[in-house]
Amino acid sequence: TATEQVQMEEMEEKRDIALWYWFLFESNLSTQRAKT
């Protein structure tokens, strides 16, 4: 159960990082606007 919890947290963190990356660099906003 502890191992599964750690794995879920790691997957959630990777998902969050990927979402931020998309927002900053691949969304239709300029990077500066996204950062602001």
PDB file of all heavy atoms in Angstrom:
ATOM      1  N   THR A   1       0.834  -1.197   0.000  1.00  0.00           N
ATOM      2  CA  THR A   1       0.000   0.000   0.000  1.00  0.00           C
ATOM      3  C   THR A   1       0.874   1.254   0.000  1.00  0.00           C
ATOM      4  O   THR A   1       0.593   2.208  -0.718  1.00  0.00           O
ATOM      5  CB  THR A   1      -0.948   0.006   1.210  1.00  0.00           C
ATOM      6  OG1 THR A   1      -1.753  -1.169   1.159  1.00  0.00           O
ATOM      7  CG2 THR A   1      -1.834   1.221   1.206  1.00  0.00           C
ATOM      8  N   ALA A   2       1.935   1.255   0.795  1.00  0.00           N
ATOM      9  CA  ALA A   2       2.838   2.404   0.850  1.00  0.00           C
ATOM     10  C   ALA A   2       3.528   2.610  -0.496  1.00  0.00           C
ATOM     11  O   ALA A   2       3.662   3.745  -0.964  1.00  0.00           O
ATOM     12  CB  ALA A   2       3.869   2.207   1.956  1.00  0.00           C
ATOM     13  N   THR A   3       3.935   1.520  -1.137  1.00  0.00           N
ATOM     14  CA  THR A   3       4.580   1.604  -2.447  1.00  0.00           C
ATOM     15  C   THR A   3       3.606   2.141  -3.481  1.00  0.00           C
ATOM     16  O   THR A   3       3.963   2.998  -4.298  1.00  0.00           O
ATOM     17  CB  THR A   3       5.100   0.212  -2.880  1.00  0.00           C
ATOM     18  OG1 THR A   3       6.035  -0.246  -1.910  1.00  0.00           O
ATOM     19  CG2 THR A   3       5.757   0.267  -4.252  1.00  0.00           C
ATOM     20  N   GLU A   4       2.383   1.671  -3.459  1.00  0.00           N
ATOM     21  CA  GLU A   4       1.364   2.158  -4.390  1.00  0.00           C
ATOM     22  C   GLU A   4       1.110   3.640  -4.182  1.00  0.00           C
ATOM     23  O   GLU A   4       0.940   4.384  -5.153  1.00  0.00           O
ATOM     24  CB  GLU A   4       0.069   1.370  -4.223  1.00  0.00           C
ATOM     25  CG  GLU A   4       0.171  -0.056  -4.709  1.00  0.00           C
ATOM     26  CD  GLU A   4      -1.065  -0.877  -4.377  1.00  0.00           C
ATOM     27  OE1 GLU A   4      -2.043  -0.329  -3.831  1.00  0.00           O
ATOM     28  OE2 GLU A   4      -1.052  -2.081  -4.655  1.00  0.00           O
ATOM     29  N   GLN A   5       1.087   4.086  -2.933  1.00  0.00           N
ATOM     30  CA  GLN A   5       0.867   5.499  -2.632  1.00  0.00           C
ATOM     31  C   GLN A   5       1.995   6.353  -3.204  1.00  0.00           C
ATOM     32  O   GLN A   5       1.755   7.388  -3.813  1.00  0.00           O
ATOM     33  CB  GLN A   5       0.749   5.723  -1.113  1.00  0.00           C
ATOM     34  CG  GLN A   5       0.529   7.165  -0.719  1.00  0.00           C
ATOM     35  CD  GLN A   5      -0.794   7.719  -1.197  1.00  0.00           C
ATOM     36  OE1 GLN A   5      -1.772   6.987  -1.343  1.00  0.00           O
ATOM     37  NE2 GLN A   5      -0.832   9.000  -1.454  1.00  0.00           N
ATOM     38  N   VAL A   6       3.217   5.903  -3.022  1.00  0.00           N
ATOM     39  CA  VAL A   6       4.373   6.632  -3.558  1.00  0.00           C
ATOM     40  C   VAL A   6       4.294   6.696  -5.083  1.00  0.00           C
ATOM     41  O   VAL A   6       4.541   7.750  -5.686  1.00  0.00           O
ATOM     42  CB  VAL A   6       5.698   5.984  -3.093  1.00  0.00           C
ATOM     43  CG1 VAL A   6       6.888   6.539  -3.855  1.00  0.00           C
ATOM     44  CG2 VAL A   6       5.885   6.173  -1.594  1.00  0.00           C
ATOM     45  N   GLN A   7       3.935   5.573  -5.705  1.00  0.00           N
ATOM     46  CA  GLN A   7       3.817   5.546  -7.165  1.00  0.00           C
ATOM     47  C   GLN A   7       2.733   6.501  -7.647  1.00  0.00           C
ATOM     48  O   GLN A   7       2.917   7.198  -8.642  1.00  0.00           O
ATOM     49  CB  GLN A   7       3.528   4.122  -7.646  1.00  0.00           C
ATOM     50  CG  GLN A   7       4.717   3.203  -7.515  1.00  0.00           C
ATOM     51  CD  GLN A   7       4.370   1.753  -7.844  1.00  0.00           C
ATOM     52  OE1 GLN A   7       3.214   1.347  -7.812  1.00  0.00           O
ATOM     53  NE2 GLN A   7       5.398   0.960  -8.150  1.00  0.00           N
ATOM     54  N   MET A   8       1.607   6.544  -6.966  1.00  0.00           N
ATOM     55  CA  MET A   8       0.524   7.461  -7.339  1.00  0.00           C
ATOM     56  C   MET A   8       0.971   8.915  -7.208  1.00  0.00           C
ATOM     57  O   MET A   8       0.670   9.744  -8.064  1.00  0.00           O
ATOM     58  CB  MET A   8      -0.725   7.201  -6.489  1.00  0.00           C
ATOM     59  CG  MET A   8      -1.409   5.891  -6.782  1.00  0.00           C
ATOM     60  SD  MET A   8      -2.056   5.806  -8.471  1.00  0.00           S
ATOM     61  CE  MET A   8      -3.402   6.954  -8.351  1.00  0.00           C
ATOM     62  N   GLU A   9       1.691   9.221  -6.132  1.00  0.00           N
ATOM     63  CA  GLU A   9       2.182  10.586  -5.938  1.00  0.00           C
ATOM     64  C   GLU A   9       3.172  10.969  -7.026  1.00  0.00           C
ATOM     65  O   GLU A   9       3.149  12.098  -7.518  1.00  0.00           O
ATOM     66  CB  GLU A   9       2.815  10.716  -4.554  1.00  0.00           C
ATOM     67  CG  GLU A   9       1.802  10.680  -3.428  1.00  0.00           C
ATOM     68  CD  GLU A   9       2.424  10.602  -2.046  1.00  0.00           C
ATOM     69  OE1 GLU A   9       3.675  10.668  -1.932  1.00  0.00           O
ATOM     70  OE2 GLU A   9       1.669  10.480  -1.072  1.00  0.00           O
ATOM     71  N   GLU A  10       4.031  10.045  -7.408  1.00  0.00           N
ATOM     72  CA  GLU A  10       4.992  10.308  -8.476  1.00  0.00           C
ATOM     73  C   GLU A  10       4.281  10.540  -9.806  1.00  0.00           C
ATOM     74  O   GLU A  10       4.655  11.430 -10.570  1.00  0.00           O
ATOM     75  CB  GLU A  10       5.984   9.155  -8.603  1.00  0.00           C
ATOM     76  CG  GLU A  10       6.978   9.098  -7.469  1.00  0.00           C
ATOM     77  CD  GLU A  10       7.870   7.860  -7.510  1.00  0.00           C
ATOM     78  OE1 GLU A  10       7.646   6.966  -8.360  1.00  0.00           O
ATOM     79  OE2 GLU A  10       8.789   7.789  -6.673  1.00  0.00           O
ATOM     80  N   MET A  11       3.245   9.747 -10.097  1.00  0.00           N
ATOM     81  CA  MET A  11       2.485   9.929 -11.330  1.00  0.00           C
ATOM     82  C   MET A  11       1.777  11.274 -11.332  1.00  0.00           C
ATOM     83  O   MET A  11       1.739  11.965 -12.348  1.00  0.00           O
ATOM     84  CB  MET A  11       1.484   8.795 -11.520  1.00  0.00           C
ATOM     85  CG  MET A  11       2.137   7.496 -11.940  1.00  0.00           C
ATOM     86  SD  MET A  11       0.968   6.195 -12.358  1.00  0.00           S
ATOM     87  CE  MET A  11       0.323   5.778 -10.749  1.00  0.00           C
ATOM     88  N   GLU A  12       1.218  11.659 -10.188  1.00  0.00           N
ATOM     89  CA  GLU A  12       0.532  12.947 -10.081  1.00  0.00           C
ATOM     90  C   GLU A  12       1.521  14.091 -10.288  1.00  0.00           C
ATOM     91  O   GLU A  12       1.212  15.066 -10.976  1.00  0.00           O
ATOM     92  CB  GLU A  12      -0.151  13.067  -8.718  1.00  0.00           C
ATOM     93  CG  GLU A  12      -0.968  14.319  -8.553  1.00  0.00           C
ATOM     94  CD  GLU A  12      -2.178  14.399  -9.452  1.00  0.00           C
ATOM     95  OE1 GLU A  12      -2.677  13.356  -9.905  1.00  0.00           O
ATOM     96  OE2 GLU A  12      -2.638  15.527  -9.704  1.00  0.00           O
ATOM     97  N   GLU A  13       2.715  13.963  -9.727  1.00  0.00           N
ATOM     98  CA  GLU A  13       3.730  15.003  -9.888  1.00  0.00           C
ATOM     99  C   GLU A  13       4.149  15.124 -11.358  1.00  0.00           C
ATOM    100  O   GLU A  13       4.274  16.233 -11.884  1.00  0.00           O
ATOM    101  CB  GLU A  13       4.953  14.692  -9.026  1.00  0.00           C
ATOM    102  CG  GLU A  13       6.014  15.766  -9.080  1.00  0.00           C
ATOM    103  CD  GLU A  13       7.176  15.478  -8.161  1.00  0.00           C
ATOM    104  OE1 GLU A  13       6.986  14.816  -7.119  1.00  0.00           O
ATOM    105  OE2 GLU A  13       8.287  15.923  -8.487  1.00  0.00           O
ATOM    106  N   LYS A  14       4.337  14.002 -12.028  1.00  0.00           N
ATOM    107  CA  LYS A  14       4.698  14.020 -13.449  1.00  0.00           C
ATOM    108  C   LYS A  14       3.585  14.652 -14.275  1.00  0.00           C
ATOM    109  O   LYS A  14       3.847  15.411 -15.208  1.00  0.00           O
ATOM    110  CB  LYS A  14       4.985  12.605 -13.954  1.00  0.00           C
ATOM    111  CG  LYS A  14       6.288  12.045 -13.462  1.00  0.00           C
ATOM    112  CD  LYS A  14       6.494  10.633 -13.979  1.00  0.00           C
ATOM    113  CE  LYS A  14       7.777  10.038 -13.447  1.00  0.00           C
ATOM    114  NZ  LYS A  14       7.965   8.652 -13.904  1.00  0.00           N
ATOM    115  N   ARG A  15       2.360  14.347 -13.922  1.00  0.00           N
ATOM    116  CA  ARG A  15       1.210  14.913 -14.630  1.00  0.00           C
ATOM    117  C   ARG A  15       1.175  16.422 -14.445  1.00  0.00           C
ATOM    118  O   ARG A  15       0.955  17.175 -15.387  1.00  0.00           O
ATOM    119  CB  ARG A  15      -0.078  14.280 -14.107  1.00  0.00           C
ATOM    120  CG  ARG A  15      -1.320  14.745 -14.816  1.00  0.00           C
ATOM    121  CD  ARG A  15      -2.558  14.076 -14.196  1.00  0.00           C
ATOM    122  NE  ARG A  15      -3.736  14.665 -14.728  1.00  0.00           N
ATOM    123  CZ  ARG A  15      -4.248  15.833 -14.327  1.00  0.00           C
ATOM    124  NH1 ARG A  15      -3.677  16.505 -13.376  1.00  0.00           N
ATOM    125  NH2 ARG A  15      -5.337  16.307 -14.873  1.00  0.00           N
ATOM    126  N   ASP A  16       1.405  16.892 -13.212  1.00  0.00           N
ATOM    127  CA  ASP A  16       1.422  18.331 -12.931  1.00  0.00           C
ATOM    128  C   ASP A  16       2.527  19.030 -13.720  1.00  0.00           C
ATOM    129  O   ASP A  16       2.308  20.101 -14.283  1.00  0.00           O
ATOM    130  CB  ASP A  16       1.610  18.594 -11.437  1.00  0.00           C
ATOM    131  CG  ASP A  16       0.390  18.240 -10.611  1.00  0.00           C
ATOM    132  OD1 ASP A  16      -0.702  18.047 -11.184  1.00  0.00           O
ATOM    133  OD2 ASP A  16       0.536  18.151  -9.377  1.00  0.00           O
ATOM    134  N   ILE A  17       3.704  18.426 -13.760  1.00  0.00           N
ATOM    135  CA  ILE A  17       4.825  19.008 -14.501  1.00  0.00           C
ATOM    136  C   ILE A  17       4.492  19.089 -15.985  1.00  0.00           C
ATOM    137  O   ILE A  17       4.747  20.108 -16.639  1.00  0.00           O
ATOM    138  CB  ILE A  17       6.111  18.197 -14.261  1.00  0.00           C
ATOM    139  CG1 ILE A  17       6.581  18.398 -12.818  1.00  0.00           C
ATOM    140  CG2 ILE A  17       7.205  18.592 -15.256  1.00  0.00           C
ATOM    141  CD1 ILE A  17       7.679  17.444 -12.378  1.00  0.00           C
ATOM    142  N   ALA A  18       3.902  18.040 -16.519  1.00  0.00           N
ATOM    143  CA  ALA A  18       3.526  18.032 -17.926  1.00  0.00           C
ATOM    144  C   ALA A  18       2.463  19.091 -18.217  1.00  0.00           C
ATOM    145  O   ALA A  18       2.513  19.758 -19.258  1.00  0.00           O
ATOM    146  CB  ALA A  18       3.024  16.644 -18.337  1.00  0.00           C
ATOM    147  N   LEU A  19       1.534  19.287 -17.299  1.00  0.00           N
ATOM    148  CA  LEU A  19       0.492  20.298 -17.483  1.00  0.00           C
ATOM    149  C   LEU A  19       1.105  21.698 -17.471  1.00  0.00           C
ATOM    150  O   LEU A  19       0.769  22.543 -18.301  1.00  0.00           O
ATOM    151  CB  LEU A  19      -0.579  20.162 -16.401  1.00  0.00           C
ATOM    152  CG  LEU A  19      -1.793  21.075 -16.533  1.00  0.00           C
ATOM    153  CD1 LEU A  19      -2.526  20.826 -17.848  1.00  0.00           C
ATOM    154  CD2 LEU A  19      -2.738  20.863 -15.360  1.00  0.00           C
ATOM    155  N   TRP A  20       2.010  21.954 -16.538  1.00  0.00           N
ATOM    156  CA  TRP A  20       2.696  23.251 -16.486  1.00  0.00           C
ATOM    157  C   TRP A  20       3.484  23.472 -17.774  1.00  0.00           C
ATOM    158  O   TRP A  20       3.482  24.574 -18.324  1.00  0.00           O
ATOM    159  CB  TRP A  20       3.625  23.302 -15.275  1.00  0.00           C
ATOM    160  CG  TRP A  20       2.952  23.714 -14.021  1.00  0.00           C
ATOM    161  CD1 TRP A  20       1.843  23.166 -13.453  1.00  0.00           C
ATOM    162  CD2 TRP A  20       3.349  24.769 -13.151  1.00  0.00           C
ATOM    163  NE1 TRP A  20       1.549  23.808 -12.287  1.00  0.00           N
ATOM    164  CE2 TRP A  20       2.458  24.795 -12.079  1.00  0.00           C
ATOM    165  CE3 TRP A  20       4.400  25.675 -13.182  1.00  0.00           C
ATOM    166  CZ2 TRP A  20       2.558  25.712 -11.050  1.00  0.00           C
ATOM    167  CZ3 TRP A  20       4.509  26.593 -12.147  1.00  0.00           C
ATOM    168  CH2 TRP A  20       3.588  26.606 -11.103  1.00  0.00           C
ATOM    169  N   TYR A  21       4.189  22.455 -18.224  1.00  0.00           N
ATOM    170  CA  TYR A  21       4.963  22.573 -19.455  1.00  0.00           C
ATOM    171  C   TYR A  21       4.038  22.936 -20.614  1.00  0.00           C
ATOM    172  O   TYR A  21       4.338  23.841 -21.400  1.00  0.00           O
ATOM    173  CB  TYR A  21       5.717  21.276 -19.760  1.00  0.00           C
ATOM    174  CG  TYR A  21       6.564  21.386 -21.007  1.00  0.00           C
ATOM    175  CD1 TYR A  21       7.869  21.855 -20.937  1.00  0.00           C
ATOM    176  CD2 TYR A  21       6.039  21.039 -22.251  1.00  0.00           C
ATOM    177  CE1 TYR A  21       8.641  21.976 -22.090  1.00  0.00           C
ATOM    178  CE2 TYR A  21       6.806  21.172 -23.397  1.00  0.00           C
ATOM    179  CZ  TYR A  21       8.094  21.635 -23.312  1.00  0.00           C
ATOM    180  OH  TYR A  21       8.839  21.760 -24.452  1.00  0.00           O
ATOM    181  N   TRP A  22       2.933  22.231 -20.730  1.00  0.00           N
ATOM    182  CA  TRP A  22       1.979  22.533 -21.794  1.00  0.00           C
ATOM    183  C   TRP A  22       1.532  23.983 -21.704  1.00  0.00           C
ATOM    184  O   TRP A  22       1.522  24.707 -22.710  1.00  0.00           O
ATOM    185  CB  TRP A  22       0.753  21.601 -21.701  1.00  0.00           C
ATOM    186  CG  TRP A  22      -0.365  22.123 -22.542  1.00  0.00           C
ATOM    187  CD1 TRP A  22      -0.527  21.957 -23.881  1.00  0.00           C
ATOM    188  CD2 TRP A  22      -1.443  22.957 -22.106  1.00  0.00           C
ATOM    189  NE1 TRP A  22      -1.650  22.638 -24.303  1.00  0.00           N
ATOM    190  CE2 TRP A  22      -2.224  23.257 -23.235  1.00  0.00           C
ATOM    191  CE3 TRP A  22      -1.825  23.483 -20.872  1.00  0.00           C
ATOM    192  CZ2 TRP A  22      -3.351  24.056 -23.172  1.00  0.00           C
ATOM    193  CZ3 TRP A  22      -2.950  24.277 -20.801  1.00  0.00           C
ATOM    194  CH2 TRP A  22      -3.710  24.558 -21.938  1.00  0.00           C
ATOM    195  N   PHE A  23       1.172  24.424 -20.497  1.00  0.00           N
ATOM    196  CA  PHE A  23       0.653  25.776 -20.324  1.00  0.00           C
ATOM    197  C   PHE A  23       1.706  26.823 -20.697  1.00  0.00           C
ATOM    198  O   PHE A  23       1.401  27.794 -21.382  1.00  0.00           O
ATOM    199  CB  PHE A  23       0.193  25.983 -18.875  1.00  0.00           C
ATOM    200  CG  PHE A  23      -0.450  27.318 -18.644  1.00  0.00           C
ATOM    201  CD1 PHE A  23      -1.718  27.584 -19.132  1.00  0.00           C
ATOM    202  CD2 PHE A  23       0.208  28.307 -17.925  1.00  0.00           C
ATOM    203  CE1 PHE A  23      -2.321  28.816 -18.917  1.00  0.00           C
ATOM    204  CE2 PHE A  23      -0.378  29.548 -17.709  1.00  0.00           C
ATOM    205  CZ  PHE A  23      -1.652  29.801 -18.211  1.00  0.00           C
ATOM    206  N   LEU A  24       2.942  26.634 -20.266  1.00  0.00           N
ATOM    207  CA  LEU A  24       3.995  27.617 -20.520  1.00  0.00           C
ATOM    208  C   LEU A  24       4.483  27.629 -21.960  1.00  0.00           C
ATOM    209  O   LEU A  24       4.788  28.691 -22.504  1.00  0.00           O
ATOM    210  CB  LEU A  24       5.194  27.357 -19.603  1.00  0.00           C
ATOM    211  CG  LEU A  24       4.996  27.756 -18.147  1.00  0.00           C
ATOM    212  CD1 LEU A  24       6.127  27.214 -17.289  1.00  0.00           C
ATOM    213  CD2 LEU A  24       4.901  29.266 -18.013  1.00  0.00           C
ATOM    214  N   PHE A  25       4.566  26.462 -22.591  1.00  0.00           N
ATOM    215  CA  PHE A  25       5.239  26.394 -23.881  1.00  0.00           C
ATOM    216  C   PHE A  25       4.387  25.918 -25.056  1.00  0.00           C
ATOM    217  O   PHE A  25       4.793  26.105 -26.200  1.00  0.00           O
ATOM    218  CB  PHE A  25       6.474  25.490 -23.765  1.00  0.00           C
ATOM    219  CG  PHE A  25       7.430  25.961 -22.707  1.00  0.00           C
ATOM    220  CD1 PHE A  25       7.611  25.222 -21.550  1.00  0.00           C
ATOM    221  CD2 PHE A  25       8.122  27.152 -22.843  1.00  0.00           C
ATOM    222  CE1 PHE A  25       8.486  25.653 -20.563  1.00  0.00           C
ATOM    223  CE2 PHE A  25       8.997  27.598 -21.861  1.00  0.00           C
ATOM    224  CZ  PHE A  25       9.175  26.843 -20.714  1.00  0.00           C
ATOM    225  N   GLU A  26       3.251  25.308 -24.790  1.00  0.00           N
ATOM    226  CA  GLU A  26       2.472  24.758 -25.900  1.00  0.00           C
ATOM    227  C   GLU A  26       1.045  25.291 -25.993  1.00  0.00           C
ATOM    228  O   GLU A  26       0.359  25.017 -26.967  1.00  0.00           O
ATOM    229  CB  GLU A  26       2.447  23.229 -25.796  1.00  0.00           C
ATOM    230  CG  GLU A  26       3.830  22.615 -25.950  1.00  0.00           C
ATOM    231  CD  GLU A  26       3.848  21.115 -25.755  1.00  0.00           C
ATOM    232  OE1 GLU A  26       2.823  20.529 -25.360  1.00  0.00           O
ATOM    233  OE2 GLU A  26       4.915  20.522 -25.990  1.00  0.00           O
ATOM    234  N   SER A  27       0.607  26.023 -24.994  1.00  0.00           N
ATOM    235  CA  SER A  27      -0.731  26.617 -25.087  1.00  0.00           C
ATOM    236  C   SER A  27      -0.662  27.794 -26.064  1.00  0.00           C
ATOM    237  O   SER A  27       0.407  28.138 -26.560  1.00  0.00           O
ATOM    238  CB  SER A  27      -1.202  27.106 -23.712  1.00  0.00           C
ATOM    239  OG  SER A  27      -0.468  28.261 -23.316  1.00  0.00           O
ATOM    240  N   ASN A  28      -1.760  28.407 -26.321  1.00  0.00           N
ATOM    241  CA  ASN A  28      -1.796  29.515 -27.268  1.00  0.00           C
ATOM    242  C   ASN A  28      -1.382  30.843 -26.641  1.00  0.00           C
ATOM    243  O   ASN A  28      -1.444  31.872 -27.299  1.00  0.00           O
ATOM    244  CB  ASN A  28      -3.195  29.634 -27.867  1.00  0.00           C
ATOM    245  CG  ASN A  28      -3.514  28.467 -28.775  1.00  0.00           C
ATOM    246  OD1 ASN A  28      -2.649  28.010 -29.510  1.00  0.00           O
ATOM    247  ND2 ASN A  28      -4.717  27.961 -28.712  1.00  0.00           N
ATOM    248  N   LEU A  29      -0.958  30.828 -25.390  1.00  0.00           N
ATOM    249  CA  LEU A  29      -0.498  32.051 -24.734  1.00  0.00           C
ATOM    250  C   LEU A  29       1.002  32.208 -24.940  1.00  0.00           C
ATOM    251  O   LEU A  29       1.728  31.221 -25.049  1.00  0.00           O
ATOM    252  CB  LEU A  29      -0.771  31.983 -23.225  1.00  0.00           C
ATOM    253  CG  LEU A  29      -2.215  31.817 -22.784  1.00  0.00           C
ATOM    254  CD1 LEU A  29      -2.271  31.649 -21.272  1.00  0.00           C
ATOM    255  CD2 LEU A  29      -3.049  33.002 -23.215  1.00  0.00           C
ATOM    256  N   SER A  30       1.455  33.458 -24.940  1.00  0.00           N
ATOM    257  CA  SER A  30       2.906  33.652 -24.968  1.00  0.00           C
ATOM    258  C   SER A  30       3.471  33.147 -23.644  1.00  0.00           C
ATOM    259  O   SER A  30       2.779  33.128 -22.619  1.00  0.00           O
ATOM    260  CB  SER A  30       3.248  35.126 -25.158  1.00  0.00           C
ATOM    261  OG  SER A  30       2.980  35.855 -23.971  1.00  0.00           O
ATOM    262  N   THR A  31       4.716  32.743 -23.656  1.00  0.00           N
ATOM    263  CA  THR A  31       5.339  32.220 -22.442  1.00  0.00           C
ATOM    264  C   THR A  31       5.326  33.269 -21.338  1.00  0.00           C
ATOM    265  O   THR A  31       5.036  32.947 -20.181  1.00  0.00           O
ATOM    266  CB  THR A  31       6.779  31.749 -22.736  1.00  0.00           C
ATOM    267  OG1 THR A  31       6.712  30.741 -23.746  1.00  0.00           O
ATOM    268  CG2 THR A  31       7.440  31.180 -21.500  1.00  0.00           C
ATOM    269  N   GLN A  32       5.605  34.521 -21.684  1.00  0.00           N
ATOM    270  CA  GLN A  32       5.611  35.583 -20.674  1.00  0.00           C
ATOM    271  C   GLN A  32       4.221  35.776 -20.074  1.00  0.00           C
ATOM    272  O   GLN A  32       4.077  35.932 -18.860  1.00  0.00           O
ATOM    273  CB  GLN A  32       6.114  36.903 -21.274  1.00  0.00           C
ATOM    274  CG  GLN A  32       6.257  37.998 -20.247  1.00  0.00           C
ATOM    275  CD  GLN A  32       7.223  37.629 -19.124  1.00  0.00           C
ATOM    276  OE1 GLN A  32       8.313  37.133 -19.366  1.00  0.00           O
ATOM    277  NE2 GLN A  32       6.811  37.847 -17.887  1.00  0.00           N
ATOM    278  N   ARG A  33       3.199  35.749 -20.903  1.00  0.00           N
ATOM    279  CA  ARG A  33       1.822  35.895 -20.410  1.00  0.00           C
ATOM    280  C   ARG A  33       1.473  34.727 -19.494  1.00  0.00           C
ATOM    281  O   ARG A  33       0.875  34.910 -18.427  1.00  0.00           O
ATOM    282  CB  ARG A  33       0.851  35.960 -21.592  1.00  0.00           C
ATOM    283  CG  ARG A  33      -0.616  35.995 -21.224  1.00  0.00           C
ATOM    284  CD  ARG A  33      -1.026  37.324 -20.657  1.00  0.00           C
ATOM    285  NE  ARG A  33      -2.484  37.363 -20.523  1.00  0.00           N
ATOM    286  CZ  ARG A  33      -3.111  37.790 -19.444  1.00  0.00           C
ATOM    287  NH1 ARG A  33      -2.432  38.282 -18.437  1.00  0.00           N
ATOM    288  NH2 ARG A  33      -4.416  37.770 -19.384  1.00  0.00           N
ATOM    289  N   ALA A  34       1.848  33.527 -19.885  1.00  0.00           N
ATOM    290  CA  ALA A  34       1.568  32.346 -19.066  1.00  0.00           C
ATOM    291  C   ALA A  34       2.274  32.448 -17.713  1.00  0.00           C
ATOM    292  O   ALA A  34       1.677  32.148 -16.673  1.00  0.00           O
ATOM    293  CB  ALA A  34       1.993  31.080 -19.807  1.00  0.00           C
ATOM    294  N   LYS A  35       3.526  32.883 -17.710  1.00  0.00           N
ATOM    295  CA  LYS A  35       4.269  33.029 -16.465  1.00  0.00           C
ATOM    296  C   LYS A  35       3.625  34.068 -15.550  1.00  0.00           C
ATOM    297  O   LYS A  35       3.526  33.866 -14.343  1.00  0.00           O
ATOM    298  CB  LYS A  35       5.720  33.400 -16.760  1.00  0.00           C
ATOM    299  CG  LYS A  35       6.537  32.248 -17.315  1.00  0.00           C
ATOM    300  CD  LYS A  35       7.899  32.676 -17.824  1.00  0.00           C
ATOM    301  CE  LYS A  35       8.782  33.209 -16.724  1.00  0.00           C
ATOM    302  NZ  LYS A  35      10.148  33.525 -17.232  1.00  0.00           N
ATOM    303  N   THR A  36       3.185  35.171 -16.129  1.00  0.00           N
ATOM    304  CA  THR A  36       2.520  36.219 -15.350  1.00  0.00           C
ATOM    305  C   THR A  36       1.240  35.695 -14.716  1.00  0.00           C
ATOM    306  O   THR A  36       0.975  35.931 -13.531  1.00  0.00           O
ATOM    307  CB  THR A  36       2.212  37.438 -16.246  1.00  0.00           C
ATOM    308  OG1 THR A  36       3.442  37.942 -16.768  1.00  0.00           O
ATOM    309  CG2 THR A  36       1.489  38.530 -15.478  1.00  0.00           C
TER     310      THR A  36
END
